[in-house]
Amino acid sequence: MGKQKRSYSKKKLINFTDKMEADMRSFCRNKGIKNESELVRQAVAEYIYAGYKDETLNHNSLKQIQDILSRCQLSISFK
């Protein structure tokens, strides 16, 4: 048997409605997520880091557009 990855995180007590629990179980089953704790971890991470990802993507996109515009201006200047 292989070693299992140890989790050194702290436990949190979170209350869910019965419907939300049923929906979470169904979602996990349909998406192949191993348990509800993993679903909550993924959801929280996605929520927290979504803004960071958007900012990074926007910054990179703006940088690419700026580079393209600079090359176009340079090309127009030489023509």
PDB file of N, CA and C in Angstrom:
ATOM      1  N   MET A   1       0.832  -1.183   0.000  1.00  0.00           N
ATOM      2  CA  MET A   1       0.000   0.000   0.000  1.00  0.00           C
ATOM      3  C   MET A   1       0.877   1.247   0.000  1.00  0.00           C
ATOM      4  N   GLY A   2       0.470   2.259  -0.780  1.00  0.00           N
ATOM      5  CA  GLY A   2       1.213   3.501  -0.833  1.00  0.00           C
ATOM      6  C   GLY A   2       0.886   4.390   0.348  1.00  0.00           C
ATOM      7  N   LYS A   3       1.758   5.341   0.548  1.00  0.00           N
ATOM      8  CA  LYS A   3       1.524   6.284   1.637  1.00  0.00           C
ATOM      9  C   LYS A   3       0.390   7.225   1.266  1.00  0.00           C
ATOM     10  N   GLN A   4      -0.446   7.493   2.243  1.00  0.00           N
ATOM     11  CA  GLN A   4      -1.512   8.452   2.013  1.00  0.00           C
ATOM     12  C   GLN A   4      -1.006   9.835   2.356  1.00  0.00           C
ATOM     13  N   LYS A   5      -1.475  10.810   1.613  1.00  0.00           N
ATOM     14  CA  LYS A   5      -1.112  12.195   1.862  1.00  0.00           C
ATOM     15  C   LYS A   5      -1.774  12.646   3.161  1.00  0.00           C
ATOM     16  N   ARG A   6      -0.989  13.172   4.065  1.00  0.00           N
ATOM     17  CA  ARG A   6      -1.528  13.646   5.339  1.00  0.00           C
ATOM     18  C   ARG A   6      -2.023  15.074   5.198  1.00  0.00           C
ATOM     19  N   SER A   7      -3.107  15.332   5.836  1.00  0.00           N
ATOM     20  CA  SER A   7      -3.667  16.672   5.837  1.00  0.00           C
ATOM     21  C   SER A   7      -3.361  17.321   7.179  1.00  0.00           C
ATOM     22  N   TYR A   8      -2.687  18.439   7.147  1.00  0.00           N
ATOM     23  CA  TYR A   8      -2.337  19.142   8.368  1.00  0.00           C
ATOM     24  C   TYR A   8      -3.195  20.391   8.550  1.00  0.00           C
ATOM     25  N   SER A   9      -4.384  20.356   8.010  1.00  0.00           N
ATOM     26  CA  SER A   9      -5.261  21.514   8.121  1.00  0.00           C
ATOM     27  C   SER A   9      -6.130  21.416   9.363  1.00  0.00           C
ATOM     28  N   LYS A  10      -6.699  22.536   9.721  1.00  0.00           N
ATOM     29  CA  LYS A  10      -7.589  22.574  10.875  1.00  0.00           C
ATOM     30  C   LYS A  10      -9.011  22.308  10.425  1.00  0.00           C
ATOM     31  N   LYS A  11      -9.760  21.661  11.258  1.00  0.00           N
ATOM     32  CA  LYS A  11     -11.160  21.379  10.958  1.00  0.00           C
ATOM     33  C   LYS A  11     -12.004  22.599  11.265  1.00  0.00           C
ATOM     34  N   LYS A  12     -13.035  22.814  10.461  1.00  0.00           N
ATOM     35  CA  LYS A  12     -13.980  23.906  10.641  1.00  0.00           C
ATOM     36  C   LYS A  12     -15.379  23.314  10.668  1.00  0.00           C
ATOM     37  N   LEU A  13     -16.211  23.828  11.520  1.00  0.00           N
ATOM     38  CA  LEU A  13     -17.589  23.373  11.598  1.00  0.00           C
ATOM     39  C   LEU A  13     -18.448  24.335  10.792  1.00  0.00           C
ATOM     40  N   ILE A  14     -19.123  23.796   9.779  1.00  0.00           N
ATOM     41  CA  ILE A  14     -19.963  24.621   8.905  1.00  0.00           C
ATOM     42  C   ILE A  14     -21.344  23.991   8.842  1.00  0.00           C
ATOM     43  N   ASN A  15     -22.358  24.804   9.011  1.00  0.00           N
ATOM     44  CA  ASN A  15     -23.732  24.309   8.943  1.00  0.00           C
ATOM     45  C   ASN A  15     -24.289  24.494   7.536  1.00  0.00           C
ATOM     46  N   PHE A  16     -24.928  23.445   7.012  1.00  0.00           N
ATOM     47  CA  PHE A  16     -25.577  23.482   5.708  1.00  0.00           C
ATOM     48  C   PHE A  16     -27.022  23.059   5.880  1.00  0.00           C
ATOM     49  N   THR A  17     -27.880  23.521   4.987  1.00  0.00           N
ATOM     50  CA  THR A  17     -29.266  23.060   4.994  1.00  0.00           C
ATOM     51  C   THR A  17     -29.299  21.625   4.473  1.00  0.00           C
ATOM     52  N   ASP A  18     -30.386  20.917   4.730  1.00  0.00           N
ATOM     53  CA  ASP A  18     -30.523  19.545   4.237  1.00  0.00           C
ATOM     54  C   ASP A  18     -30.447  19.506   2.711  1.00  0.00           C
ATOM     55  N   LYS A  19     -31.086  20.475   2.068  1.00  0.00           N
ATOM     56  CA  LYS A  19     -31.072  20.522   0.596  1.00  0.00           C
ATOM     57  C   LYS A  19     -29.656  20.742   0.079  1.00  0.00           C
ATOM     58  N   MET A  20     -28.930  21.656   0.713  1.00  0.00           N
ATOM     59  CA  MET A  20     -27.562  21.932   0.267  1.00  0.00           C
ATOM     60  C   MET A  20     -26.682  20.699   0.443  1.00  0.00           C
ATOM     61  N   GLU A  21     -26.852  19.978   1.537  1.00  0.00           N
ATOM     62  CA  GLU A  21     -26.080  18.746   1.747  1.00  0.00           C
ATOM     63  C   GLU A  21     -26.386  17.723   0.671  1.00  0.00           C
ATOM     64  N   ALA A  22     -27.664  17.555   0.343  1.00  0.00           N
ATOM     65  CA  ALA A  22     -28.051  16.608  -0.708  1.00  0.00           C
ATOM     66  C   ALA A  22     -27.479  17.041  -2.054  1.00  0.00           C
ATOM     67  N   ASP A  23     -27.536  18.330  -2.335  1.00  0.00           N
ATOM     68  CA  ASP A  23     -26.984  18.853  -3.592  1.00  0.00           C
ATOM     69  C   ASP A  23     -25.470  18.655  -3.650  1.00  0.00           C
ATOM     70  N   MET A  24     -24.807  18.858  -2.520  1.00  0.00           N
ATOM     71  CA  MET A  24     -23.355  18.664  -2.477  1.00  0.00           C
ATOM     72  C   MET A  24     -22.985  17.208  -2.727  1.00  0.00           C
ATOM     73  N   ARG A  25     -23.713  16.275  -2.093  1.00  0.00           N
ATOM     74  CA  ARG A  25     -23.434  14.847  -2.311  1.00  0.00           C
ATOM     75  C   ARG A  25     -23.633  14.479  -3.775  1.00  0.00           C
ATOM     76  N   SER A  26     -24.710  14.960  -4.345  1.00  0.00           N
ATOM     77  CA  SER A  26     -24.999  14.681  -5.751  1.00  0.00           C
ATOM     78  C   SER A  26     -23.919  15.274  -6.664  1.00  0.00           C
ATOM     79  N   PHE A  27     -23.550  16.496  -6.394  1.00  0.00           N
ATOM     80  CA  PHE A  27     -22.525  17.166  -7.197  1.00  0.00           C
ATOM     81  C   PHE A  27     -21.206  16.419  -7.126  1.00  0.00           C
ATOM     82  N   CYS A  28     -20.803  16.038  -5.915  1.00  0.00           N
ATOM     83  CA  CYS A  28     -19.555  15.288  -5.743  1.00  0.00           C
ATOM     84  C   CYS A  28     -19.593  13.977  -6.525  1.00  0.00           C
ATOM     85  N   ARG A  29     -20.700  13.286  -6.435  1.00  0.00           N
ATOM     86  CA  ARG A  29     -20.847  12.012  -7.135  1.00  0.00           C
ATOM     87  C   ARG A  29     -20.746  12.223  -8.649  1.00  0.00           C
ATOM     88  N   ASN A  30     -21.417  13.245  -9.166  1.00  0.00           N
ATOM     89  CA  ASN A  30     -21.426  13.502 -10.607  1.00  0.00           C
ATOM     90  C   ASN A  30     -20.084  13.997 -11.136  1.00  0.00           C
ATOM     91  N   LYS A  31     -19.346  14.729 -10.316  1.00  0.00           N
ATOM     92  CA  LYS A  31     -18.074  15.313 -10.752  1.00  0.00           C
ATOM     93  C   LYS A  31     -16.859  14.493 -10.338  1.00  0.00           C
ATOM     94  N   GLY A  32     -17.088  13.396  -9.603  1.00  0.00           N
ATOM     95  CA  GLY A  32     -15.971  12.546  -9.194  1.00  0.00           C
ATOM     96  C   GLY A  32     -15.123  13.158  -8.089  1.00  0.00           C
ATOM     97  N   ILE A  33     -15.709  14.031  -7.307  1.00  0.00           N
ATOM     98  CA  ILE A  33     -14.999  14.630  -6.178  1.00  0.00           C
ATOM     99  C   ILE A  33     -15.120  13.658  -5.014  1.00  0.00           C
ATOM    100  N   LYS A  34     -13.996  13.388  -4.349  1.00  0.00           N
ATOM    101  CA  LYS A  34     -13.977  12.282  -3.395  1.00  0.00           C
ATOM    102  C   LYS A  34     -14.846  12.481  -2.159  1.00  0.00           C
ATOM    103  N   ASN A  35     -15.025  13.716  -1.713  1.00  0.00           N
ATOM    104  CA  ASN A  35     -15.891  13.941  -0.547  1.00  0.00           C
ATOM    105  C   ASN A  35     -16.316  15.408  -0.481  1.00  0.00           C
ATOM    106  N   GLU A  36     -17.221  15.688   0.425  1.00  0.00           N
ATOM    107  CA  GLU A  36     -17.751  17.043   0.544  1.00  0.00           C
ATOM    108  C   GLU A  36     -16.700  18.028   1.040  1.00  0.00           C
ATOM    109  N   SER A  37     -15.781  17.571   1.861  1.00  0.00           N
ATOM    110  CA  SER A  37     -14.714  18.452   2.341  1.00  0.00           C
ATOM    111  C   SER A  37     -13.866  18.950   1.174  1.00  0.00           C
ATOM    112  N   GLU A  38     -13.566  18.060   0.260  1.00  0.00           N
ATOM    113  CA  GLU A  38     -12.787  18.448  -0.915  1.00  0.00           C
ATOM    114  C   GLU A  38     -13.556  19.451  -1.762  1.00  0.00           C
ATOM    115  N   LEU A  39     -14.850  19.246  -1.908  1.00  0.00           N
ATOM    116  CA  LEU A  39     -15.687  20.191  -2.649  1.00  0.00           C
ATOM    117  C   LEU A  39     -15.629  21.573  -2.004  1.00  0.00           C
ATOM    118  N   VAL A  40     -15.758  21.631  -0.684  1.00  0.00           N
ATOM    119  CA  VAL A  40     -15.724  22.913   0.020  1.00  0.00           C
ATOM    120  C   VAL A  40     -14.360  23.569  -0.151  1.00  0.00           C
ATOM    121  N   ARG A  41     -13.281  22.792  -0.039  1.00  0.00           N
ATOM    122  CA  ARG A  41     -11.936  23.360  -0.231  1.00  0.00           C
ATOM    123  C   ARG A  41     -11.786  23.934  -1.638  1.00  0.00           C
ATOM    124  N   GLN A  42     -12.244  23.186  -2.645  1.00  0.00           N
ATOM    125  CA  GLN A  42     -12.147  23.670  -4.027  1.00  0.00           C
ATOM    126  C   GLN A  42     -12.980  24.933  -4.230  1.00  0.00           C
ATOM    127  N   ALA A  43     -14.188  24.941  -3.676  1.00  0.00           N
ATOM    128  CA  ALA A  43     -15.077  26.087  -3.840  1.00  0.00           C
ATOM    129  C   ALA A  43     -14.507  27.335  -3.171  1.00  0.00           C
ATOM    130  N   VAL A  44     -13.970  27.182  -1.974  1.00  0.00           N
ATOM    131  CA  VAL A  44     -13.404  28.325  -1.261  1.00  0.00           C
ATOM    132  C   VAL A  44     -12.175  28.854  -2.006  1.00  0.00           C
ATOM    133  N   ALA A  45     -11.314  27.955  -2.445  1.00  0.00           N
ATOM    134  CA  ALA A  45     -10.122  28.376  -3.187  1.00  0.00           C
ATOM    135  C   ALA A  45     -10.509  29.099  -4.469  1.00  0.00           C
ATOM    136  N   GLU A  46     -11.475  28.574  -5.184  1.00  0.00           N
ATOM    137  CA  GLU A  46     -11.925  29.209  -6.422  1.00  0.00           C
ATOM    138  C   GLU A  46     -12.483  30.599  -6.138  1.00  0.00           C
ATOM    139  N   TYR A  47     -13.239  30.729  -5.078  1.00  0.00           N
ATOM    140  CA  TYR A  47     -13.832  32.013  -4.705  1.00  0.00           C
ATOM    141  C   TYR A  47     -12.756  33.029  -4.313  1.00  0.00           C
ATOM    142  N   ILE A  48     -11.800  32.596  -3.514  1.00  0.00           N
ATOM    143  CA  ILE A  48     -10.757  33.504  -3.040  1.00  0.00           C
ATOM    144  C   ILE A  48      -9.818  33.924  -4.163  1.00  0.00           C
ATOM    145  N   TYR A  49      -9.391  32.969  -4.986  1.00  0.00           N
ATOM    146  CA  TYR A  49      -8.361  33.252  -5.977  1.00  0.00           C
ATOM    147  C   TYR A  49      -8.901  33.682  -7.332  1.00  0.00           C
ATOM    148  N   ALA A  50     -10.209  33.700  -7.515  1.00  0.00           N
ATOM    149  CA  ALA A  50     -10.786  34.096  -8.803  1.00  0.00           C
ATOM    150  C   ALA A  50     -10.384  35.517  -9.174  1.00  0.00           C
ATOM    151  N   GLY A  51     -10.454  36.427  -8.231  1.00  0.00           N
ATOM    152  CA  GLY A  51     -10.073  37.815  -8.493  1.00  0.00           C
ATOM    153  C   GLY A  51      -8.612  37.938  -8.874  1.00  0.00           C
ATOM    154  N   TYR A  52      -7.766  37.185  -8.213  1.00  0.00           N
ATOM    155  CA  TYR A  52      -6.333  37.207  -8.513  1.00  0.00           C
ATOM    156  C   TYR A  52      -6.070  36.709  -9.922  1.00  0.00           C
ATOM    157  N   LYS A  53      -6.732  35.600 -10.303  1.00  0.00           N
ATOM    158  CA  LYS A  53      -6.565  35.057 -11.645  1.00  0.00           C
ATOM    159  C   LYS A  53      -7.030  36.059 -12.686  1.00  0.00           C
ATOM    160  N   ASP A  54      -8.186  36.697 -12.438  1.00  0.00           N
ATOM    161  CA  ASP A  54      -8.714  37.681 -13.377  1.00  0.00           C
ATOM    162  C   ASP A  54      -7.761  38.855 -13.538  1.00  0.00           C
ATOM    163  N   GLU A  55      -7.211  39.336 -12.420  1.00  0.00           N
ATOM    164  CA  GLU A  55      -6.273  40.453 -12.481  1.00  0.00           C
ATOM    165  C   GLU A  55      -5.023  40.073 -13.258  1.00  0.00           C
ATOM    166  N   THR A  56      -4.511  38.872 -13.028  1.00  0.00           N
ATOM    167  CA  THR A  56      -3.313  38.417 -13.726  1.00  0.00           C
ATOM    168  C   THR A  56      -3.582  38.279 -15.224  1.00  0.00           C
ATOM    169  N   LEU A  57      -4.731  37.679 -15.556  1.00  0.00           N
ATOM    170  CA  LEU A  57      -5.081  37.528 -16.970  1.00  0.00           C
ATOM    171  C   LEU A  57      -5.273  38.887 -17.635  1.00  0.00           C
ATOM    172  N   ASN A  58      -5.950  39.789 -16.945  1.00  0.00           N
ATOM    173  CA  ASN A  58      -6.161  41.126 -17.505  1.00  0.00           C
ATOM    174  C   ASN A  58      -4.841  41.854 -17.700  1.00  0.00           C
ATOM    175  N   HIS A  59      -3.942  41.750 -16.730  1.00  0.00           N
ATOM    176  CA  HIS A  59      -2.640  42.394 -16.828  1.00  0.00           C
ATOM    177  C   HIS A  59      -1.857  41.830 -18.013  1.00  0.00           C
ATOM    178  N   ASN A  60      -1.831  40.502 -18.143  1.00  0.00           N
ATOM    179  CA  ASN A  60      -1.113  39.872 -19.248  1.00  0.00           C
ATOM    180  C   ASN A  60      -1.726  40.254 -20.589  1.00  0.00           C
ATOM    181  N   SER A  61      -3.052  40.294 -20.658  1.00  0.00           N
ATOM    182  CA  SER A  61      -3.728  40.657 -21.902  1.00  0.00           C
ATOM    183  C   SER A  61      -3.427  42.099 -22.279  1.00  0.00           C
ATOM    184  N   LEU A  62      -3.488  42.987 -21.292  1.00  0.00           N
ATOM    185  CA  LEU A  62      -3.187  44.397 -21.564  1.00  0.00           C
ATOM    186  C   LEU A  62      -1.746  44.574 -22.018  1.00  0.00           C
ATOM    187  N   LYS A  63      -0.835  43.821 -21.422  1.00  0.00           N
ATOM    188  CA  LYS A  63       0.574  43.883 -21.805  1.00  0.00           C
ATOM    189  C   LYS A  63       0.745  43.426 -23.255  1.00  0.00           C
ATOM    190  N   GLN A  64       0.062  42.355 -23.642  1.00  0.00           N
ATOM    191  CA  GLN A  64       0.150  41.864 -25.015  1.00  0.00           C
ATOM    192  C   GLN A  64      -0.416  42.890 -25.988  1.00  0.00           C
ATOM    193  N   ILE A  65      -1.537  43.493 -25.641  1.00  0.00           N
ATOM    194  CA  ILE A  65      -2.145  44.510 -26.512  1.00  0.00           C
ATOM    195  C   ILE A  65      -1.221  45.709 -26.644  1.00  0.00           C
ATOM    196  N   GLN A  66      -0.613  46.123 -25.536  1.00  0.00           N
ATOM    197  CA  GLN A  66       0.313  47.245 -25.565  1.00  0.00           C
ATOM    198  C   GLN A  66       1.504  46.936 -26.473  1.00  0.00           C
ATOM    199  N   ASP A  67       2.030  45.723 -26.387  1.00  0.00           N
ATOM    200  CA  ASP A  67       3.155  45.331 -27.244  1.00  0.00           C
ATOM    201  C   ASP A  67       2.765  45.368 -28.717  1.00  0.00           C
ATOM    202  N   ILE A  68       1.580  44.863 -29.030  1.00  0.00           N
ATOM    203  CA  ILE A  68       1.102  44.860 -30.419  1.00  0.00           C
ATOM    204  C   ILE A  68       0.936  46.284 -30.929  1.00  0.00           C
ATOM    205  N   LEU A  69       0.319  47.134 -30.104  1.00  0.00           N
ATOM    206  CA  LEU A  69       0.134  48.532 -30.505  1.00  0.00           C
ATOM    207  C   LEU A  69       1.463  49.243 -30.696  1.00  0.00           C
ATOM    208  N   SER A  70       2.427  48.950 -29.859  1.00  0.00           N
ATOM    209  CA  SER A  70       3.754  49.563 -29.990  1.00  0.00           C
ATOM    210  C   SER A  70       4.396  49.167 -31.312  1.00  0.00           C
ATOM    211  N   ARG A  71       4.276  47.876 -31.661  1.00  0.00           N
ATOM    212  CA  ARG A  71       4.839  47.408 -32.937  1.00  0.00           C
ATOM    213  C   ARG A  71       4.118  48.050 -34.118  1.00  0.00           C
ATOM    214  N   CYS A  72       2.810  48.213 -34.001  1.00  0.00           N
ATOM    215  CA  CYS A  72       2.045  48.841 -35.073  1.00  0.00           C
ATOM    216  C   CYS A  72       2.442  50.303 -35.246  1.00  0.00           C
ATOM    217  N   GLN A  73       2.616  51.006 -34.132  1.00  0.00           N
ATOM    218  CA  GLN A  73       3.028  52.405 -34.196  1.00  0.00           C
ATOM    219  C   GLN A  73       4.404  52.526 -34.820  1.00  0.00           C
ATOM    220  N   LEU A  74       5.296  51.651 -34.438  1.00  0.00           N
ATOM    221  CA  LEU A  74       6.640  51.659 -34.989  1.00  0.00           C
ATOM    222  C   LEU A  74       6.604  51.379 -36.486  1.00  0.00           C
ATOM    223  N   SER A  75       5.782  50.439 -36.897  1.00  0.00           N
ATOM    224  CA  SER A  75       5.639  50.092 -38.309  1.00  0.00           C
ATOM    225  C   SER A  75       5.062  51.268 -39.089  1.00  0.00           C
ATOM    226  N   ILE A  76       4.084  51.934 -38.539  1.00  0.00           N
ATOM    227  CA  ILE A  76       3.459  53.080 -39.213  1.00  0.00           C
ATOM    228  C   ILE A  76       4.455  54.221 -39.320  1.00  0.00           C
ATOM    229  N   SER A  77       5.251  54.435 -38.289  1.00  0.00           N
ATOM    230  CA  SER A  77       6.237  55.511 -38.293  1.00  0.00           C
ATOM    231  C   SER A  77       7.257  55.306 -39.395  1.00  0.00           C
ATOM    232  N   PHE A  78       7.682  54.077 -39.635  1.00  0.00           N
ATOM    233  CA  PHE A  78       8.690  53.819 -40.650  1.00  0.00           C
ATOM    234  C   PHE A  78       8.132  53.833 -42.061  1.00  0.00           C
ATOM    235  N   LYS A  79       6.822  53.620 -42.209  1.00  0.00           N
ATOM    236  CA  LYS A  79       6.219  53.644 -43.539  1.00  0.00           C
ATOM    237  C   LYS A  79       6.015  55.080 -43.943  1.00  0.00           C
TER     238      LYS A  79
END
